PDB file of N, CA and C in Angstrom:
ATOM      1  N   UNK A   1     106.335  84.419  80.247  1.00  0.00           N
ATOM      2  CA  UNK A   1     106.803  84.482  81.606  1.00  0.00           C
ATOM      3  C   UNK A   1     105.620  84.678  82.533  1.00  0.00           C
ATOM      4  N   UNK A   2     105.822  84.321  83.772  1.00  0.00           N
ATOM      5  CA  UNK A   2     104.797  84.455  84.802  1.00  0.00           C
ATOM      6  C   UNK A   2     105.374  85.187  86.011  1.00  0.00           C
ATOM      7  N   UNK A   3     104.495  85.820  86.781  1.00  0.00           N
ATOM      8  CA  UNK A   3     104.914  86.389  88.059  1.00  0.00           C
ATOM      9  C   UNK A   3     104.840  85.286  89.111  1.00  0.00           C
ATOM     10  N   UNK A   4     105.587  85.437  90.195  1.00  0.00           N
ATOM     11  CA  UNK A   4     105.563  84.409  91.237  1.00  0.00           C
ATOM     12  C   UNK A   4     104.223  84.393  91.959  1.00  0.00           C
ATOM     13  N   UNK A   5     103.536  85.524  91.988  1.00  0.00           N
ATOM     14  CA  UNK A   5     102.183  85.598  92.530  1.00  0.00           C
ATOM     15  C   UNK A   5     101.222  85.426  91.356  1.00  0.00           C
ATOM     16  N   UNK A   6     100.205  84.622  91.522  1.00  0.00           N
ATOM     17  CA  UNK A   6      99.254  84.374  90.444  1.00  0.00           C
ATOM     18  C   UNK A   6      98.189  85.483  90.408  1.00  0.00           C
ATOM     19  N   UNK A   7      98.535  86.614  89.806  1.00  0.00           N
ATOM     20  CA  UNK A   7      97.594  87.728  89.702  1.00  0.00           C
ATOM     21  C   UNK A   7      96.470  87.361  88.743  1.00  0.00           C
ATOM     22  N   UNK A   8      95.236  87.611  89.148  1.00  0.00           N
ATOM     23  CA  UNK A   8      94.078  87.284  88.311  1.00  0.00           C
ATOM     24  C   UNK A   8      93.863  88.313  87.214  1.00  0.00           C
ATOM     25  N   UNK A   9      94.339  89.558  87.424  1.00  0.00           N
ATOM     26  CA  UNK A   9      94.172  90.619  86.434  1.00  0.00           C
ATOM     27  C   UNK A   9      95.453  91.441  86.310  1.00  0.00           C
ATOM     28  N   UNK A  10      95.594  92.129  85.173  1.00  0.00           N
ATOM     29  CA  UNK A  10      96.732  93.023  84.993  1.00  0.00           C
ATOM     30  C   UNK A  10      96.625  94.197  85.955  1.00  0.00           C
ATOM     31  N   UNK A  11      95.405  94.618  86.256  1.00  0.00           N
ATOM     32  CA  UNK A  11      95.189  95.711  87.204  1.00  0.00           C
ATOM     33  C   UNK A  11      95.769  95.349  88.577  1.00  0.00           C
ATOM     34  N   UNK A  12      95.568  94.120  89.014  1.00  0.00           N
ATOM     35  CA  UNK A  12      96.101  93.678  90.307  1.00  0.00           C
ATOM     36  C   UNK A  12      97.630  93.706  90.290  1.00  0.00           C
ATOM     37  N   UNK A  13      98.244  93.322  89.164  1.00  0.00           N
ATOM     38  CA  UNK A  13      99.699  93.388  89.028  1.00  0.00           C
ATOM     39  C   UNK A  13     100.167  94.834  89.098  1.00  0.00           C
ATOM     40  N   UNK A  14      99.514  95.728  88.350  1.00  0.00           N
ATOM     41  CA  UNK A  14      99.871  97.153  88.371  1.00  0.00           C
ATOM     42  C   UNK A  14      99.792  97.725  89.783  1.00  0.00           C
ATOM     43  N   UNK A  15      98.728  97.405  90.494  1.00  0.00           N
ATOM     44  CA  UNK A  15      98.538  97.922  91.855  1.00  0.00           C
ATOM     45  C   UNK A  15      99.628  97.423  92.800  1.00  0.00           C
ATOM     46  N   UNK A  16     100.015  96.173  92.667  1.00  0.00           N
ATOM     47  CA  UNK A  16     101.063  95.618  93.527  1.00  0.00           C
ATOM     48  C   UNK A  16     102.399  96.321  93.261  1.00  0.00           C
ATOM     49  N   UNK A  17     102.716  96.547  92.001  1.00  0.00           N
ATOM     50  CA  UNK A  17     103.969  97.228  91.654  1.00  0.00           C
ATOM     51  C   UNK A  17     103.927  98.673  92.139  1.00  0.00           C
ATOM     52  N   UNK A  18     102.792  99.357  91.937  1.00  0.00           N
ATOM     53  CA  UNK A  18     102.650 100.751  92.371  1.00  0.00           C
ATOM     54  C   UNK A  18     102.748 100.880  93.893  1.00  0.00           C
ATOM     55  N   UNK A  19     102.310  99.851  94.612  1.00  0.00           N
ATOM     56  CA  UNK A  19     102.362  99.870  96.076  1.00  0.00           C
ATOM     57  C   UNK A  19     103.764  99.551  96.602  1.00  0.00           C
ATOM     58  N   UNK A  20     104.684  99.227  95.700  1.00  0.00           N
ATOM     59  CA  UNK A  20     106.048  98.962  96.125  1.00  0.00           C
ATOM     60  C   UNK A  20     106.337  97.521  96.494  1.00  0.00           C
ATOM     61  N   UNK A  21     105.410  96.614  96.201  1.00  0.00           N
ATOM     62  CA  UNK A  21     105.657  95.202  96.498  1.00  0.00           C
ATOM     63  C   UNK A  21     106.764  94.675  95.590  1.00  0.00           C
ATOM     64  N   UNK A  22     107.567  93.774  96.099  1.00  0.00           N
ATOM     65  CA  UNK A  22     108.636  93.149  95.310  1.00  0.00           C
ATOM     66  C   UNK A  22     108.036  92.022  94.486  1.00  0.00           C
ATOM     67  N   UNK A  23     107.691  92.313  93.237  1.00  0.00           N
ATOM     68  CA  UNK A  23     107.067  91.318  92.360  1.00  0.00           C
ATOM     69  C   UNK A  23     108.163  90.669  91.520  1.00  0.00           C
ATOM     70  N   UNK A  24     108.346  89.370  91.707  1.00  0.00           N
ATOM     71  CA  UNK A  24     109.344  88.615  90.953  1.00  0.00           C
ATOM     72  C   UNK A  24     108.657  87.804  89.870  1.00  0.00           C
ATOM     73  N   UNK A  25     109.438  87.247  88.964  1.00  0.00           N
ATOM     74  CA  UNK A  25     108.900  86.563  87.791  1.00  0.00           C
ATOM     75  C   UNK A  25     109.807  85.396  87.436  1.00  0.00           C
ATOM     76  N   UNK A  26     109.291  84.512  86.568  1.00  0.00           N
ATOM     77  CA  UNK A  26     110.079  83.362  86.129  1.00  0.00           C
ATOM     78  C   UNK A  26     109.607  82.907  84.761  1.00  0.00           C
ATOM     79  N   UNK A  27     110.452  82.136  84.103  1.00  0.00           N
ATOM     80  CA  UNK A  27     110.141  81.593  82.791  1.00  0.00           C
ATOM     81  C   UNK A  27     110.260  80.083  82.887  1.00  0.00           C
ATOM     82  N   UNK A  28     109.130  79.363  82.981  1.00  0.00           N
ATOM     83  CA  UNK A  28     109.203  77.917  83.196  1.00  0.00           C
ATOM     84  C   UNK A  28     109.780  77.168  81.996  1.00  0.00           C
ATOM     85  N   UNK A  29     110.690  76.258  82.292  1.00  0.00           N
ATOM     86  CA  UNK A  29     111.183  75.339  81.284  1.00  0.00           C
ATOM     87  C   UNK A  29     112.150  75.902  80.261  1.00  0.00           C
ATOM     88  N   UNK A  30     112.458  77.167  80.309  1.00  0.00           N
ATOM     89  CA  UNK A  30     113.370  77.730  79.321  1.00  0.00           C
ATOM     90  C   UNK A  30     114.632  78.217  80.003  1.00  0.00           C
ATOM     91  N   UNK A  31     115.559  78.716  79.220  1.00  0.00           N
ATOM     92  CA  UNK A  31     116.859  79.143  79.720  1.00  0.00           C
ATOM     93  C   UNK A  31     116.800  80.237  80.772  1.00  0.00           C
ATOM     94  N   UNK A  32     117.846  81.000  80.804  1.00  0.00           N
ATOM     95  CA  UNK A  32     118.019  82.031  81.809  1.00  0.00           C
ATOM     96  C   UNK A  32     116.974  83.144  81.669  1.00  0.00           C
ATOM     97  N   UNK A  33     116.511  83.653  82.786  1.00  0.00           N
ATOM     98  CA  UNK A  33     115.534  84.733  82.825  1.00  0.00           C
ATOM     99  C   UNK A  33     116.261  86.071  82.926  1.00  0.00           C
ATOM    100  N   UNK A  34     115.908  87.056  82.089  1.00  0.00           N
ATOM    101  CA  UNK A  34     116.589  88.349  82.156  1.00  0.00           C
ATOM    102  C   UNK A  34     116.356  89.059  83.487  1.00  0.00           C
ATOM    103  N   UNK A  35     117.382  89.745  83.993  1.00  0.00           N
ATOM    104  CA  UNK A  35     117.273  90.463  85.266  1.00  0.00           C
ATOM    105  C   UNK A  35     117.005  91.950  85.071  1.00  0.00           C
ATOM    106  N   UNK A  36     117.314  92.485  83.909  1.00  0.00           N
ATOM    107  CA  UNK A  36     117.113  93.909  83.634  1.00  0.00           C
ATOM    108  C   UNK A  36     116.571  94.074  82.220  1.00  0.00           C
ATOM    109  N   UNK A  37     115.752  95.108  82.024  1.00  0.00           N
ATOM    110  CA  UNK A  37     115.242  95.394  80.688  1.00  0.00           C
ATOM    111  C   UNK A  37     113.737  95.274  80.603  1.00  0.00           C
ATOM    112  N   UNK A  38     113.272  94.697  79.491  1.00  0.00           N
ATOM    113  CA  UNK A  38     111.843  94.583  79.215  1.00  0.00           C
ATOM    114  C   UNK A  38     111.482  93.113  79.081  1.00  0.00           C
ATOM    115  N   UNK A  39     110.372  92.721  79.709  1.00  0.00           N
ATOM    116  CA  UNK A  39     109.861  91.362  79.597  1.00  0.00           C
ATOM    117  C   UNK A  39     108.361  91.421  79.333  1.00  0.00           C
ATOM    118  N   UNK A  40     107.794  90.289  78.978  1.00  0.00           N
ATOM    119  CA  UNK A  40     106.350  90.181  78.773  1.00  0.00           C
ATOM    120  C   UNK A  40     105.837  89.052  79.652  1.00  0.00           C
ATOM    121  N   UNK A  41     104.825  89.351  80.451  1.00  0.00           N
ATOM    122  CA  UNK A  41     104.251  88.344  81.346  1.00  0.00           C
ATOM    123  C   UNK A  41     102.795  88.110  80.969  1.00  0.00           C
ATOM    124  N   UNK A  42     102.278  86.970  81.407  1.00  0.00           N
ATOM    125  CA  UNK A  42     100.900  86.608  81.119  1.00  0.00           C
ATOM    126  C   UNK A  42     100.264  85.987  82.351  1.00  0.00           C
ATOM    127  N   UNK A  43      98.968  86.042  82.393  1.00  0.00           N
ATOM    128  CA  UNK A  43      98.276  85.475  83.542  1.00  0.00           C
ATOM    129  C   UNK A  43      96.806  85.269  83.243  1.00  0.00           C
ATOM    130  N   UNK A  44      96.093  84.628  84.095  1.00  0.00           N
ATOM    131  CA  UNK A  44      96.587  83.902  85.253  1.00  0.00           C
ATOM    132  C   UNK A  44      97.397  82.668  84.836  1.00  0.00           C
ATOM    133  N   UNK A  45      97.960  81.993  85.825  1.00  0.00           N
ATOM    134  CA  UNK A  45      98.817  80.842  85.548  1.00  0.00           C
ATOM    135  C   UNK A  45      98.043  79.677  84.954  1.00  0.00           C
ATOM    136  N   UNK A  46      98.773  78.830  84.225  1.00  0.00           N
ATOM    137  CA  UNK A  46      98.245  77.572  83.720  1.00  0.00           C
ATOM    138  C   UNK A  46      97.762  76.741  84.904  1.00  0.00           C
ATOM    139  N   UNK A  47      96.670  76.054  84.867  1.00  0.00           N
ATOM    140  CA  UNK A  47      95.878  75.603  83.737  1.00  0.00           C
ATOM    141  C   UNK A  47      94.739  76.550  83.351  1.00  0.00           C
ATOM    142  N   UNK A  48      94.560  77.660  84.044  1.00  0.00           N
ATOM    143  CA  UNK A  48      93.537  78.635  83.646  1.00  0.00           C
ATOM    144  C   UNK A  48      93.949  79.256  82.311  1.00  0.00           C
ATOM    145  N   UNK A  49      92.985  79.624  81.465  1.00  0.00           N
ATOM    146  CA  UNK A  49      93.347  80.291  80.213  1.00  0.00           C
ATOM    147  C   UNK A  49      93.883  81.697  80.486  1.00  0.00           C
ATOM    148  N   UNK A  50      94.908  82.081  79.766  1.00  0.00           N
ATOM    149  CA  UNK A  50      95.463  83.423  79.940  1.00  0.00           C
ATOM    150  C   UNK A  50      94.443  84.459  79.479  1.00  0.00           C
ATOM    151  N   UNK A  51      94.213  85.460  80.315  1.00  0.00           N
ATOM    152  CA  UNK A  51      93.246  86.502  79.963  1.00  0.00           C
ATOM    153  C   UNK A  51      93.874  87.885  79.940  1.00  0.00           C
ATOM    154  N   UNK A  52      95.147  87.978  80.346  1.00  0.00           N
ATOM    155  CA  UNK A  52      95.827  89.268  80.280  1.00  0.00           C
ATOM    156  C   UNK A  52      97.311  89.062  79.971  1.00  0.00           C
ATOM    157  N   UNK A  53      97.889  90.082  79.353  1.00  0.00           N
ATOM    158  CA  UNK A  53      99.306  90.102  78.998  1.00  0.00           C
ATOM    159  C   UNK A  53      99.834  91.483  79.337  1.00  0.00           C
ATOM    160  N   UNK A  54     101.087  91.577  79.761  1.00  0.00           N
ATOM    161  CA  UNK A  54     101.639  92.877  80.144  1.00  0.00           C
ATOM    162  C   UNK A  54     103.105  92.986  79.734  1.00  0.00           C
ATOM    163  N   UNK A  55     103.467  94.184  79.297  1.00  0.00           N
ATOM    164  CA  UNK A  55     104.869  94.515  79.047  1.00  0.00           C
ATOM    165  C   UNK A  55     105.390  95.119  80.344  1.00  0.00           C
ATOM    166  N   UNK A  56     106.475  94.573  80.858  1.00  0.00           N
ATOM    167  CA  UNK A  56     107.000  95.015  82.149  1.00  0.00           C
ATOM    168  C   UNK A  56     108.455  95.444  82.032  1.00  0.00           C
ATOM    169  N   UNK A  57     108.801  96.437  82.814  1.00  0.00           N
ATOM    170  CA  UNK A  57     110.185  96.853  82.960  1.00  0.00           C
ATOM    171  C   UNK A  57     110.720  96.201  84.218  1.00  0.00           C
ATOM    172  N   UNK A  58     111.904  95.576  84.107  1.00  0.00           N
ATOM    173  CA  UNK A  58     112.473  94.886  85.259  1.00  0.00           C
ATOM    174  C   UNK A  58     113.857  95.440  85.589  1.00  0.00           C
ATOM    175  N   UNK A  59     114.155  95.421  86.867  1.00  0.00           N
ATOM    176  CA  UNK A  59     115.460  95.862  87.365  1.00  0.00           C
ATOM    177  C   UNK A  59     115.844  94.956  88.529  1.00  0.00           C
ATOM    178  N   UNK A  60     117.037  94.393  88.453  1.00  0.00           N
ATOM    179  CA  UNK A  60     117.564  93.498  89.499  1.00  0.00           C
ATOM    180  C   UNK A  60     116.624  92.340  89.818  1.00  0.00           C
ATOM    181  N   UNK A  61     115.977  91.789  88.781  1.00  0.00           N
ATOM    182  CA  UNK A  61     115.128  90.620  88.976  1.00  0.00           C
ATOM    183  C   UNK A  61     113.754  90.896  89.548  1.00  0.00           C
ATOM    184  N   UNK A  62     113.334  92.176  89.561  1.00  0.00           N
ATOM    185  CA  UNK A  62     112.000  92.536  90.070  1.00  0.00           C
ATOM    186  C   UNK A  62     111.296  93.444  89.085  1.00  0.00           C
ATOM    187  N   UNK A  63     109.990  93.328  89.023  1.00  0.00           N
ATOM    188  CA  UNK A  63     109.199  94.180  88.130  1.00  0.00           C
ATOM    189  C   UNK A  63     109.063  95.562  88.772  1.00  0.00           C
ATOM    190  N   UNK A  64     109.415  96.606  88.003  1.00  0.00           N
ATOM    191  CA  UNK A  64     109.334  97.967  88.518  1.00  0.00           C
ATOM    192  C   UNK A  64     108.355  98.830  87.728  1.00  0.00           C
ATOM    193  N   UNK A  65     107.851  98.330  86.597  1.00  0.00           N
ATOM    194  CA  UNK A  65     106.894  99.079  85.807  1.00  0.00           C
ATOM    195  C   UNK A  65     106.040  98.143  84.974  1.00  0.00           C
ATOM    196  N   UNK A  66     104.771  98.520  84.743  1.00  0.00           N
ATOM    197  CA  UNK A  66     103.828  97.698  83.987  1.00  0.00           C
ATOM    198  C   UNK A  66     103.104  98.571  82.971  1.00  0.00           C
ATOM    199  N   UNK A  67     103.052  98.119  81.712  1.00  0.00           N
ATOM    200  CA  UNK A  67     102.274  98.797  80.660  1.00  0.00           C
ATOM    201  C   UNK A  67     101.091  97.947  80.295  1.00  0.00           C
TER     202      UNK A  67
END
């Protein structure tokens, strides 16, 4: 899965979530995206090589926590 914003680092994603920004996510080309629970995101977006991965807690379609 990817975030709608192309974060270059996991630290940037963590900071955005901690600041209260509404960070949304999507799963390209596959079925339904979960709205609550645990997901795994990667970045930066294709075609750049992925250099970070994060386990995220989501609620109501937004990321609320990052590990």
